[in-house]
Each structure stands twice: as C-alpha cells, then as structure tokens.
Amino acid sequence: MGSKRTGGGKGGARVIALPADFRLGSVADVKAELIDAFDAPGSQLDGAGVERVDTAALQLLVAFRREAAARGQSPAWLGVSDVMREAAGVLGLAQALELPAAMPA
C-alpha cells in the first residue's frame, strides 16, 4: 500500500495503491490516504493487487468517490483485481465504484 504522485512535480495526480489485504484492518490507513488525495489535483486508484477485500473496504471507496464527485473530482482506476470486481458485483457496488470494464482474458 502507498501513495505517490505522478506527472512530475507538486501538481501531479495522487496514486493510491490499495493493499493486497484490503479489509477492515487496513481501512483506517487507506482512509487517511484517500483524505489526503482530496488536496491533489487528481487521484487514481490502483486495486490491481487486491487479493482480499471486504464490505467495509468497498464502502470506504464508495464514500470516497461520492465525496470526490461532490468536490468536482473524478478519481480514475488504474487497475482492479478480479477479487475486487467480484466482491463489488456481489454487493451491488460495481456501478457506485465506477469500475472499468473487465479486460478479456
């Protein structure tokens, strides 16, 4: 897990790499990163490495996306693991999370 800026310099988008074990125990750390991302001109979520995810983690992302939208921001997805995509689908959150279309195998 970790965030970094891309695009060079202070004005680049913030990249938030979601942890492999993205469950309740890691929600507080990710929440802090997401809050910091509101100060960046843009943000990107990288969920490609997520191997375990729970409802609390997905709810955090839904809340983040709603707040970002209220601030006129539109966080982009860099990647979404199959585990995340499946969990979001089961919980009916795929649309709220605005997950990108799955790439064909």
Protein backbone atom coordinates (compact mmCIF):
# COMPACT_ATOMS: atom_id res chain seq x y z
CA MET A 1 0.00 0.00 0.00
CA GLY A 2 1.16 3.52 -0.59
CA SER A 3 0.51 6.63 -2.49
CA LYS A 4 2.66 8.58 -4.84
CA ARG A 5 2.27 11.47 -7.16
CA THR A 6 2.60 11.06 -10.88
CA GLY A 7 3.00 13.57 -13.62
CA GLY A 8 6.07 15.13 -12.04
CA GLY A 9 6.22 17.88 -9.52
CA LYS A 10 3.76 19.03 -6.94
CA GLY A 11 0.81 19.25 -9.31
CA GLY A 12 0.59 15.59 -10.36
CA ALA A 13 -2.22 13.17 -9.64
CA ARG A 14 -2.08 11.16 -6.45
CA VAL A 15 -1.93 7.38 -6.97
CA ILE A 16 -3.40 5.31 -4.16
CA ALA A 17 -2.27 1.69 -4.32
CA LEU A 18 -4.79 -0.40 -2.40
CA PRO A 19 -3.28 -3.14 -0.19
CA ALA A 20 -3.38 -6.83 -1.09
CA ASP A 21 -5.35 -7.50 2.11
CA PHE A 22 -7.89 -4.68 1.85
CA ARG A 23 -10.18 -5.48 4.75
CA LEU A 24 -11.31 -3.77 7.93
CA GLY A 25 -7.81 -3.83 9.46
CA SER A 26 -6.37 -1.68 6.68
CA VAL A 27 -9.34 0.66 6.17
CA ALA A 28 -8.03 3.38 8.54
CA ASP A 29 -4.69 3.66 6.70
CA VAL A 30 -6.35 3.75 3.29
CA LYS A 31 -8.90 6.31 4.54
CA ALA A 32 -6.06 8.63 5.57
CA GLU A 33 -4.53 8.34 2.09
CA LEU A 34 -7.89 8.98 0.42
CA ILE A 35 -8.48 12.09 2.53
CA ASP A 36 -5.01 13.38 1.58
CA ALA A 37 -5.87 12.77 -2.08
CA PHE A 38 -8.57 15.46 -1.95
CA ASP A 39 -5.75 18.03 -1.83
CA ALA A 40 -4.23 16.72 -5.07
CA PRO A 41 -5.41 17.98 -8.46
CA GLY A 42 -6.45 14.43 -9.32
CA SER A 43 -6.29 10.92 -7.97
CA GLN A 44 -6.03 7.42 -9.31
CA LEU A 45 -6.93 4.22 -7.51
CA ASP A 46 -4.88 1.10 -8.11
CA GLY A 47 -6.74 -2.02 -6.99
CA ALA A 48 -4.91 -4.44 -9.27
CA GLY A 49 -3.05 -6.05 -6.36
CA VAL A 50 -6.06 -6.57 -4.08
CA GLU A 51 -6.31 -10.26 -3.11
CA ARG A 52 -8.78 -9.99 -0.21
CA VAL A 53 -11.48 -7.37 0.25
CA ASP A 54 -14.49 -6.91 2.49
CA THR A 55 -17.62 -4.80 2.63
CA ALA A 56 -16.04 -2.15 4.87
CA ALA A 57 -13.26 -1.54 2.35
CA LEU A 58 -15.65 -1.25 -0.57
CA GLN A 59 -17.93 1.07 1.40
CA LEU A 60 -14.93 3.30 2.09
CA LEU A 61 -14.25 3.53 -1.64
CA VAL A 62 -17.91 4.34 -2.38
CA ALA A 63 -17.82 7.14 0.22
CA PHE A 64 -14.55 8.43 -1.26
CA ARG A 65 -15.96 8.50 -4.78
CA ARG A 66 -19.12 10.30 -3.62
CA GLU A 67 -17.12 12.94 -1.75
CA ALA A 68 -14.75 13.34 -4.70
CA ALA A 69 -17.73 13.86 -7.01
CA ALA A 70 -19.17 16.46 -4.61
CA ARG A 71 -15.82 18.27 -4.88
CA GLY A 72 -15.90 18.10 -8.67
CA GLN A 73 -13.21 15.40 -8.84
CA SER A 74 -13.38 12.13 -10.72
CA PRO A 75 -10.82 9.59 -9.46
CA ALA A 76 -9.69 7.19 -12.17
CA TRP A 77 -8.96 3.47 -11.81
CA LEU A 78 -5.50 2.24 -12.78
CA GLY A 79 -6.45 -1.37 -12.19
CA VAL A 80 -8.99 -3.60 -10.46
CA SER A 81 -8.33 -7.18 -9.40
CA ASP A 82 -10.80 -9.94 -10.20
CA VAL A 83 -11.37 -10.37 -6.44
CA MET A 84 -12.38 -6.72 -6.09
CA ARG A 85 -14.54 -6.82 -9.19
CA GLU A 86 -16.35 -9.97 -7.98
CA ALA A 87 -16.92 -8.63 -4.45
CA ALA A 88 -18.25 -5.32 -5.80
CA GLY A 89 -20.59 -7.22 -8.11
CA VAL A 90 -21.92 -9.46 -5.33
CA LEU A 91 -22.56 -6.42 -3.13
CA GLY A 92 -24.09 -4.40 -5.96
CA LEU A 93 -21.39 -1.73 -5.70
CA ALA A 94 -19.72 -2.04 -9.11
CA GLN A 95 -21.70 0.85 -10.56
CA ALA A 96 -21.24 3.09 -7.48
CA LEU A 97 -17.49 2.43 -7.66
CA GLU A 98 -17.48 3.14 -11.41
CA LEU A 99 -15.23 0.15 -12.03
CA PRO A 100 -13.74 -0.02 -15.51
CA ALA A 101 -14.88 -2.76 -17.85
CA ALA A 102 -13.08 -6.06 -17.37
CA MET A 103 -10.42 -6.79 -19.93
CA PRO A 104 -10.94 -10.02 -21.87
CA ALA A 105 -8.54 -12.79 -20.95
